[in-house]
Amino acid sequence: MSKQVIDYNGEPVGVVVPDAEWLKFVAVKYQVWDLDARRFRSAAEARAAVEAHLASEAMTSRPGLAA
């Protein structure tokens, strides 16, 4: 396993690096800082987590939707 860049909408937001049997996410953009150091089984799993996280952030930052 080697490091892999994780993109979101064509923009690099982090990398995954080997960490024992896992891949550790290293955030390079503030928007995904909450995912920094999380471990994933694959780069695809990390990408899915980034997408879910950013979709959640978009929902809470829209006017009228945040509590």
Protein backbone atom coordinates (compact mmCIF):
# COMPACT_ATOMS: atom_id res chain seq x y z
CA MET A 1 0.00 0.00 0.00
CA SER A 2 1.15 3.51 -0.72
CA LYS A 3 -0.22 6.94 0.01
CA GLN A 4 -3.17 8.08 -2.07
CA VAL A 5 -4.61 11.55 -2.56
CA ILE A 6 -8.28 11.95 -1.67
CA ASP A 7 -10.09 14.47 -3.90
CA TYR A 8 -13.48 16.08 -3.53
CA ASN A 9 -14.93 17.78 -6.61
CA GLY A 10 -11.48 17.72 -8.20
CA GLU A 11 -9.75 19.36 -5.23
CA PRO A 12 -7.31 17.47 -2.98
CA VAL A 13 -8.65 17.46 0.59
CA GLY A 14 -6.40 14.85 2.16
CA VAL A 15 -4.26 11.78 1.74
CA VAL A 16 -4.42 8.28 3.13
CA VAL A 17 -1.18 6.72 4.29
CA PRO A 18 -0.51 3.15 5.39
CA ASP A 19 -0.82 2.59 9.14
CA ALA A 20 -0.45 -1.06 10.13
CA GLU A 21 -3.41 -2.85 8.51
CA TRP A 22 -5.29 0.41 7.91
CA LEU A 23 -5.08 3.63 5.94
CA LYS A 24 -4.86 6.78 8.06
CA PHE A 25 -6.47 9.93 6.69
CA VAL A 26 -4.38 13.10 6.84
CA ALA A 27 -6.46 16.22 6.20
CA VAL A 28 -4.96 18.98 4.07
CA LYS A 29 -8.06 21.18 3.99
CA TYR A 30 -9.82 22.70 6.98
CA GLN A 31 -13.25 21.48 5.80
CA VAL A 32 -12.26 17.86 6.53
CA TRP A 33 -10.19 18.50 9.65
CA ASP A 34 -12.66 16.45 11.73
CA LEU A 35 -11.62 13.35 9.76
CA ASP A 36 -7.89 13.84 10.40
CA ALA A 37 -6.18 10.72 11.79
CA ARG A 38 -9.25 8.50 11.26
CA ARG A 39 -8.40 5.06 9.96
CA PHE A 40 -10.13 3.39 7.02
CA ARG A 41 -9.99 0.01 5.35
CA SER A 42 -9.62 1.51 1.88
CA ALA A 43 -9.23 4.76 -0.03
CA ALA A 44 -12.79 4.32 -1.29
CA GLU A 45 -14.04 4.18 2.31
CA ALA A 46 -12.11 7.38 3.08
CA ARG A 47 -13.60 9.11 0.01
CA ALA A 48 -17.09 8.09 1.10
CA ALA A 49 -16.44 9.50 4.59
CA VAL A 50 -15.23 12.79 3.06
CA GLU A 51 -18.33 13.01 0.86
CA ALA A 52 -20.65 12.28 3.78
CA HIS A 53 -18.85 14.75 6.03
CA LEU A 54 -18.91 17.58 3.48
CA ALA A 55 -22.56 16.89 2.61
CA SER A 56 -23.41 17.09 6.31
CA GLU A 57 -21.43 20.33 6.66
CA ALA A 58 -23.25 21.82 3.67
CA MET A 59 -26.63 20.99 5.19
CA THR A 60 -25.80 22.61 8.53
CA SER A 61 -24.29 25.72 6.95
CA ARG A 62 -27.30 26.54 4.75
CA PRO A 63 -29.39 29.44 6.06
CA GLY A 64 -32.58 28.38 7.78
CA LEU A 65 -31.48 24.77 8.25
CA ALA A 66 -29.10 25.04 11.18
CA ALA A 67 -30.60 24.80 14.65
